[in-house]
């Protein structure tokens, strides 16, 4: 068996694939991190975002939404001068907007985790793709998630971004069946997912 081909020979992507991608994630701070990073990925490659992840963590205060929500205009302008991150004004502002919406959701549902996992019934969807060309860019679940996130005031949360978020946080297992990680990230309570 061999791993999914998308990391290529990039060591950081390989490590991310082998250790994180597709692992069910239920920690609110980590979920917020992926929500922000996937927003920054819009129109770019995940590789470009991943290689700046440590800088993003420093810039956005460890992705603690309680801290990010209090970033001032001066803080935002400073971030836009930071060459270590992706300096897109709309995306930087969206991180603060999303922190506010995130905290509102958390207050309503008890945790963001409780809110976001309900889009798939609480257990990961297990797909059985044989080639990368079979892996979709969006799904019915990501369409519903995107609609509700937008209604709740989130930015940069279209269906494609939501699907990438679902893949990253293990809400859906899109490792190819030839990849050892396909079996490793599953748990006994997973749903059968969609047909092959």
C-alpha atoms as a PDB file:
ATOM      1  CA  UNK A   1       0.000   0.000   0.000  1.00  0.00           C
ATOM      2  CA  UNK A   2       1.107   3.568  -0.630  1.00  0.00           C
ATOM      3  CA  UNK A   3      -0.052   6.921   0.707  1.00  0.00           C
ATOM      4  CA  UNK A   4      -2.320   9.294  -1.163  1.00  0.00           C
ATOM      5  CA  UNK A   5      -0.303  10.958  -3.945  1.00  0.00           C
ATOM      6  CA  UNK A   6      -1.238  14.603  -3.245  1.00  0.00           C
ATOM      7  CA  UNK A   7       1.625  15.367  -0.787  1.00  0.00           C
ATOM      8  CA  UNK A   8       4.175  14.561  -3.505  1.00  0.00           C
ATOM      9  CA  UNK A   9       7.678  14.754  -2.055  1.00  0.00           C
ATOM     10  CA  UNK A  10       7.054  17.810   0.139  1.00  0.00           C
ATOM     11  CA  UNK A  11       8.099  16.720   3.651  1.00  0.00           C
ATOM     12  CA  UNK A  12       5.705  19.083   5.439  1.00  0.00           C
ATOM     13  CA  UNK A  13       2.742  17.883   3.361  1.00  0.00           C
ATOM     14  CA  UNK A  14       3.782  14.264   3.917  1.00  0.00           C
ATOM     15  CA  UNK A  15       3.923  14.788   7.672  1.00  0.00           C
ATOM     16  CA  UNK A  16       0.549  16.578   7.630  1.00  0.00           C
ATOM     17  CA  UNK A  17      -0.991  13.745   5.582  1.00  0.00           C
ATOM     18  CA  UNK A  18       0.501  11.023   7.762  1.00  0.00           C
ATOM     19  CA  UNK A  19      -0.307  12.570  11.135  1.00  0.00           C
ATOM     20  CA  UNK A  20      -3.246  14.983  10.862  1.00  0.00           C
ATOM     21  CA  UNK A  21      -5.335  14.925   7.690  1.00  0.00           C
ATOM     22  CA  UNK A  22      -8.553  12.999   8.163  1.00  0.00           C
ATOM     23  CA  UNK A  23      -8.128  12.389  11.895  1.00  0.00           C
ATOM     24  CA  UNK A  24     -11.432  13.181  13.674  1.00  0.00           C
ATOM     25  CA  UNK A  25     -10.916  16.449  15.531  1.00  0.00           C
ATOM     26  CA  UNK A  26     -13.086  17.670  18.400  1.00  0.00           C
ATOM     27  CA  UNK A  27     -10.976  20.398  20.018  1.00  0.00           C
ATOM     28  CA  UNK A  28     -12.585  23.823  19.564  1.00  0.00           C
ATOM     29  CA  UNK A  29      -9.323  25.752  19.297  1.00  0.00           C
ATOM     30  CA  UNK A  30      -7.984  23.364  16.666  1.00  0.00           C
ATOM     31  CA  UNK A  31     -11.280  23.505  14.764  1.00  0.00           C
ATOM     32  CA  UNK A  32     -11.044  27.304  14.743  1.00  0.00           C
ATOM     33  CA  UNK A  33      -7.484  27.070  13.428  1.00  0.00           C
ATOM     34  CA  UNK A  34      -8.567  24.950  10.476  1.00  0.00           C
ATOM     35  CA  UNK A  35     -11.553  27.193   9.806  1.00  0.00           C
ATOM     36  CA  UNK A  36      -9.246  30.224   9.563  1.00  0.00           C
ATOM     37  CA  UNK A  37      -6.500  28.441   7.610  1.00  0.00           C
ATOM     38  CA  UNK A  38      -8.960  26.960   5.127  1.00  0.00           C
ATOM     39  CA  UNK A  39     -10.330  30.469   4.613  1.00  0.00           C
ATOM     40  CA  UNK A  40      -6.823  31.689   3.809  1.00  0.00           C
ATOM     41  CA  UNK A  41      -6.481  28.789   1.359  1.00  0.00           C
ATOM     42  CA  UNK A  42      -9.265  30.182  -0.871  1.00  0.00           C
ATOM     43  CA  UNK A  43      -7.753  30.601  -4.329  1.00  0.00           C
ATOM     44  CA  UNK A  44      -4.410  29.214  -3.181  1.00  0.00           C
ATOM     45  CA  UNK A  45      -2.851  25.808  -2.546  1.00  0.00           C
ATOM     46  CA  UNK A  46      -2.917  24.109   0.846  1.00  0.00           C
ATOM     47  CA  UNK A  47       0.856  23.755   0.523  1.00  0.00           C
ATOM     48  CA  UNK A  48       1.291  27.536   0.535  1.00  0.00           C
ATOM     49  CA  UNK A  49      -0.857  27.833   3.688  1.00  0.00           C
ATOM     50  CA  UNK A  50       0.721  24.888   5.495  1.00  0.00           C
ATOM     51  CA  UNK A  51       4.226  26.278   4.988  1.00  0.00           C
ATOM     52  CA  UNK A  52       3.104  29.474   6.766  1.00  0.00           C
ATOM     53  CA  UNK A  53       1.147  27.720   9.523  1.00  0.00           C
ATOM     54  CA  UNK A  54       3.589  28.463  12.341  1.00  0.00           C
ATOM     55  CA  UNK A  55       3.653  32.128  11.352  1.00  0.00           C
ATOM     56  CA  UNK A  56      -0.151  32.160  11.254  1.00  0.00           C
ATOM     57  CA  UNK A  57      -0.217  30.678  14.758  1.00  0.00           C
ATOM     58  CA  UNK A  58       2.021  33.461  16.027  1.00  0.00           C
ATOM     59  CA  UNK A  59       0.101  36.152  14.138  1.00  0.00           C
ATOM     60  CA  UNK A  60      -3.341  34.965  15.268  1.00  0.00           C
ATOM     61  CA  UNK A  61      -2.461  34.386  18.917  1.00  0.00           C
ATOM     62  CA  UNK A  62      -2.410  30.610  18.808  1.00  0.00           C
ATOM     63  CA  UNK A  63      -5.817  30.638  17.109  1.00  0.00           C
ATOM     64  CA  UNK A  64      -7.511  31.283  20.413  1.00  0.00           C
ATOM     65  CA  UNK A  65     -10.827  32.805  19.275  1.00  0.00           C
ATOM     66  CA  UNK A  66     -11.148  34.648  22.606  1.00  0.00           C
ATOM     67  CA  UNK A  67      -7.951  36.536  21.708  1.00  0.00           C
ATOM     68  CA  UNK A  68      -8.479  36.842  17.949  1.00  0.00           C
ATOM     69  CA  UNK A  69     -11.855  38.531  18.431  1.00  0.00           C
ATOM     70  CA  UNK A  70     -10.071  41.390  20.235  1.00  0.00           C
ATOM     71  CA  UNK A  71      -7.552  42.155  17.473  1.00  0.00           C
ATOM     72  CA  UNK A  72      -7.704  45.913  16.903  1.00  0.00           C
ATOM     73  CA  UNK A  73      -7.464  47.891  13.679  1.00  0.00           C
ATOM     74  CA  UNK A  74      -3.826  48.580  14.561  1.00  0.00           C
ATOM     75  CA  UNK A  75      -3.249  44.827  15.035  1.00  0.00           C
ATOM     76  CA  UNK A  76      -4.851  44.093  11.667  1.00  0.00           C
ATOM     77  CA  UNK A  77      -2.722  46.703   9.905  1.00  0.00           C
ATOM     78  CA  UNK A  78       0.360  45.183  11.531  1.00  0.00           C
ATOM     79  CA  UNK A  79      -0.665  41.740  10.266  1.00  0.00           C
ATOM     80  CA  UNK A  80      -1.040  43.125   6.756  1.00  0.00           C
ATOM     81  CA  UNK A  81       2.618  44.178   6.917  1.00  0.00           C
ATOM     82  CA  UNK A  82       3.755  40.718   8.072  1.00  0.00           C
ATOM     83  CA  UNK A  83       5.563  38.981   5.170  1.00  0.00           C
ATOM     84  CA  UNK A  84       5.401  35.612   6.952  1.00  0.00           C
ATOM     85  CA  UNK A  85       1.641  35.225   6.422  1.00  0.00           C
ATOM     86  CA  UNK A  86      -0.727  35.618   3.480  1.00  0.00           C
ATOM     87  CA  UNK A  87      -1.452  39.350   3.479  1.00  0.00           C
ATOM     88  CA  UNK A  88      -4.964  39.492   2.111  1.00  0.00           C
ATOM     89  CA  UNK A  89      -6.999  42.249   3.781  1.00  0.00           C
ATOM     90  CA  UNK A  90     -10.371  40.505   3.379  1.00  0.00           C
ATOM     91  CA  UNK A  91      -9.045  37.221   4.761  1.00  0.00           C
ATOM     92  CA  UNK A  92      -7.281  38.860   7.709  1.00  0.00           C
ATOM     93  CA  UNK A  93     -10.479  40.722   8.620  1.00  0.00           C
ATOM     94  CA  UNK A  94     -12.495  37.525   8.141  1.00  0.00           C
ATOM     95  CA  UNK A  95     -10.430  35.832  10.867  1.00  0.00           C
ATOM     96  CA  UNK A  96     -11.730  38.373  13.391  1.00  0.00           C
ATOM     97  CA  UNK A  97     -15.284  38.202  12.039  1.00  0.00           C
ATOM     98  CA  UNK A  98     -15.142  34.413  12.207  1.00  0.00           C
ATOM     99  CA  UNK A  99     -13.808  34.490  15.774  1.00  0.00           C
ATOM    100  CA  UNK A 100     -16.863  36.513  16.796  1.00  0.00           C
ATOM    101  CA  UNK A 101     -19.267  34.165  14.982  1.00  0.00           C
ATOM    102  CA  UNK A 102     -17.388  31.137  16.357  1.00  0.00           C
ATOM    103  CA  UNK A 103     -17.827  32.337  19.940  1.00  0.00           C
ATOM    104  CA  UNK A 104     -21.529  33.008  19.349  1.00  0.00           C
ATOM    105  CA  UNK A 105     -21.986  29.462  18.029  1.00  0.00           C
ATOM    106  CA  UNK A 106     -20.010  28.059  20.949  1.00  0.00           C
ATOM    107  CA  UNK A 107     -22.195  29.926  23.412  1.00  0.00           C
ATOM    108  CA  UNK A 108     -25.362  28.674  21.719  1.00  0.00           C
ATOM    109  CA  UNK A 109     -24.351  25.012  21.331  1.00  0.00           C
ATOM    110  CA  UNK A 110     -21.968  24.562  24.257  1.00  0.00           C
ATOM    111  CA  UNK A 111     -19.048  24.043  21.868  1.00  0.00           C
ATOM    112  CA  UNK A 112     -18.279  24.642  18.221  1.00  0.00           C
ATOM    113  CA  UNK A 113     -17.560  20.920  18.024  1.00  0.00           C
ATOM    114  CA  UNK A 114     -21.188  20.099  18.918  1.00  0.00           C
ATOM    115  CA  UNK A 115     -22.418  22.499  16.263  1.00  0.00           C
ATOM    116  CA  UNK A 116     -20.158  21.531  13.363  1.00  0.00           C
ATOM    117  CA  UNK A 117     -20.261  17.732  13.723  1.00  0.00           C
ATOM    118  CA  UNK A 118     -24.051  17.701  13.573  1.00  0.00           C
ATOM    119  CA  UNK A 119     -23.822  18.310   9.800  1.00  0.00           C
ATOM    120  CA  UNK A 120     -22.724  14.684   9.426  1.00  0.00           C
ATOM    121  CA  UNK A 121     -24.625  13.167  12.329  1.00  0.00           C
ATOM    122  CA  UNK A 122     -21.664  13.170  14.706  1.00  0.00           C
ATOM    123  CA  UNK A 123     -19.585  10.409  13.103  1.00  0.00           C
ATOM    124  CA  UNK A 124     -17.118  10.574  10.196  1.00  0.00           C
ATOM    125  CA  UNK A 125     -18.262   9.768   6.681  1.00  0.00           C
ATOM    126  CA  UNK A 126     -16.030   7.051   5.235  1.00  0.00           C
ATOM    127  CA  UNK A 127     -15.512   7.208   1.496  1.00  0.00           C
ATOM    128  CA  UNK A 128     -13.859   4.535  -0.602  1.00  0.00           C
ATOM    129  CA  UNK A 129     -12.100   6.394  -3.383  1.00  0.00           C
ATOM    130  CA  UNK A 130      -9.541   4.579  -5.520  1.00  0.00           C
ATOM    131  CA  UNK A 131      -8.151   7.606  -7.392  1.00  0.00           C
ATOM    132  CA  UNK A 132      -7.778  11.316  -6.674  1.00  0.00           C
ATOM    133  CA  UNK A 133     -10.079  12.108  -9.586  1.00  0.00           C
ATOM    134  CA  UNK A 134     -12.961  10.521  -7.647  1.00  0.00           C
ATOM    135  CA  UNK A 135     -12.552  12.795  -4.618  1.00  0.00           C
ATOM    136  CA  UNK A 136     -15.161  15.563  -4.775  1.00  0.00           C
ATOM    137  CA  UNK A 137     -14.527  19.247  -4.101  1.00  0.00           C
ATOM    138  CA  UNK A 138     -17.832  19.616  -2.240  1.00  0.00           C
ATOM    139  CA  UNK A 139     -20.764  17.553  -0.971  1.00  0.00           C
ATOM    140  CA  UNK A 140     -24.354  17.924   0.160  1.00  0.00           C
ATOM    141  CA  UNK A 141     -23.053  18.173   3.729  1.00  0.00           C
ATOM    142  CA  UNK A 142     -20.560  20.916   2.884  1.00  0.00           C
ATOM    143  CA  UNK A 143     -23.290  22.779   0.960  1.00  0.00           C
ATOM    144  CA  UNK A 144     -25.512  22.755   4.075  1.00  0.00           C
ATOM    145  CA  UNK A 145     -22.618  23.704   6.330  1.00  0.00           C
ATOM    146  CA  UNK A 146     -21.632  26.628   4.103  1.00  0.00           C
ATOM    147  CA  UNK A 147     -25.191  27.952   3.963  1.00  0.00           C
ATOM    148  CA  UNK A 148     -25.573  27.918   7.735  1.00  0.00           C
ATOM    149  CA  UNK A 149     -22.131  29.360   8.434  1.00  0.00           C
ATOM    150  CA  UNK A 150     -22.848  32.248   6.068  1.00  0.00           C
ATOM    151  CA  UNK A 151     -26.222  32.819   7.741  1.00  0.00           C
ATOM    152  CA  UNK A 152     -24.399  32.999  11.070  1.00  0.00           C
ATOM    153  CA  UNK A 153     -22.006  35.663   9.793  1.00  0.00           C
ATOM    154  CA  UNK A 154     -18.909  33.627   8.895  1.00  0.00           C
ATOM    155  CA  UNK A 155     -16.753  34.722   5.923  1.00  0.00           C
ATOM    156  CA  UNK A 156     -14.731  32.660   3.418  1.00  0.00           C
ATOM    157  CA  UNK A 157     -16.822  29.583   4.124  1.00  0.00           C
ATOM    158  CA  UNK A 158     -18.087  28.491   0.728  1.00  0.00           C
ATOM    159  CA  UNK A 159     -18.905  24.840   0.120  1.00  0.00           C
ATOM    160  CA  UNK A 160     -15.456  23.995  -1.302  1.00  0.00           C
ATOM    161  CA  UNK A 161     -13.737  25.543   1.730  1.00  0.00           C
ATOM    162  CA  UNK A 162     -16.148  23.717   4.035  1.00  0.00           C
ATOM    163  CA  UNK A 163     -15.386  20.427   2.313  1.00  0.00           C
ATOM    164  CA  UNK A 164     -11.631  20.997   2.732  1.00  0.00           C
ATOM    165  CA  UNK A 165     -12.344  21.749   6.407  1.00  0.00           C
ATOM    166  CA  UNK A 166     -14.303  18.488   6.681  1.00  0.00           C
ATOM    167  CA  UNK A 167     -11.411  16.553   5.147  1.00  0.00           C
ATOM    168  CA  UNK A 168      -8.829  18.198   7.392  1.00  0.00           C
ATOM    169  CA  UNK A 169     -10.789  17.628  10.604  1.00  0.00           C
ATOM    170  CA  UNK A 170     -11.753  14.023   9.905  1.00  0.00           C
ATOM    171  CA  UNK A 171     -15.436  14.679   9.368  1.00  0.00           C
ATOM    172  CA  UNK A 172     -14.934  12.821   6.113  1.00  0.00           C
ATOM    173  CA  UNK A 173     -12.269  10.218   5.351  1.00  0.00           C
ATOM    174  CA  UNK A 174     -11.051  10.955   1.835  1.00  0.00           C
ATOM    175  CA  UNK A 175      -7.809   9.022   2.029  1.00  0.00           C
ATOM    176  CA  UNK A 176      -7.657   6.682  -0.953  1.00  0.00           C
ATOM    177  CA  UNK A 177      -8.337   3.059  -0.073  1.00  0.00           C
ATOM    178  CA  UNK A 178      -4.771   2.168  -1.141  1.00  0.00           C
ATOM    179  CA  UNK A 179      -3.428   4.495   1.557  1.00  0.00           C
ATOM    180  CA  UNK A 180      -2.626   2.972   4.977  1.00  0.00           C
ATOM    181  CA  UNK A 181      -4.177   6.050   6.609  1.00  0.00           C
ATOM    182  CA  UNK A 182      -7.608   5.191   5.164  1.00  0.00           C
ATOM    183  CA  UNK A 183      -7.975   2.383   7.702  1.00  0.00           C
ATOM    184  CA  UNK A 184      -5.964   4.060  10.457  1.00  0.00           C
ATOM    185  CA  UNK A 185      -8.192   7.149  10.802  1.00  0.00           C
ATOM    186  CA  UNK A 186     -11.444   5.241  11.025  1.00  0.00           C
ATOM    187  CA  UNK A 187     -13.144   4.431  14.262  1.00  0.00           C
ATOM    188  CA  UNK A 188     -15.743   1.794  15.077  1.00  0.00           C
ATOM    189  CA  UNK A 189     -18.581   4.321  15.217  1.00  0.00           C
ATOM    190  CA  UNK A 190     -18.111   5.738  11.725  1.00  0.00           C
ATOM    191  CA  UNK A 191     -21.022   5.878   9.324  1.00  0.00           C
ATOM    192  CA  UNK A 192     -20.844   3.916   6.069  1.00  0.00           C
ATOM    193  CA  UNK A 193     -20.662   7.141   4.018  1.00  0.00           C
ATOM    194  CA  UNK A 194     -21.634   7.263   0.377  1.00  0.00           C
ATOM    195  CA  UNK A 195     -21.431   4.322  -2.008  1.00  0.00           C
ATOM    196  CA  UNK A 196     -18.266   3.676  -4.012  1.00  0.00           C
END
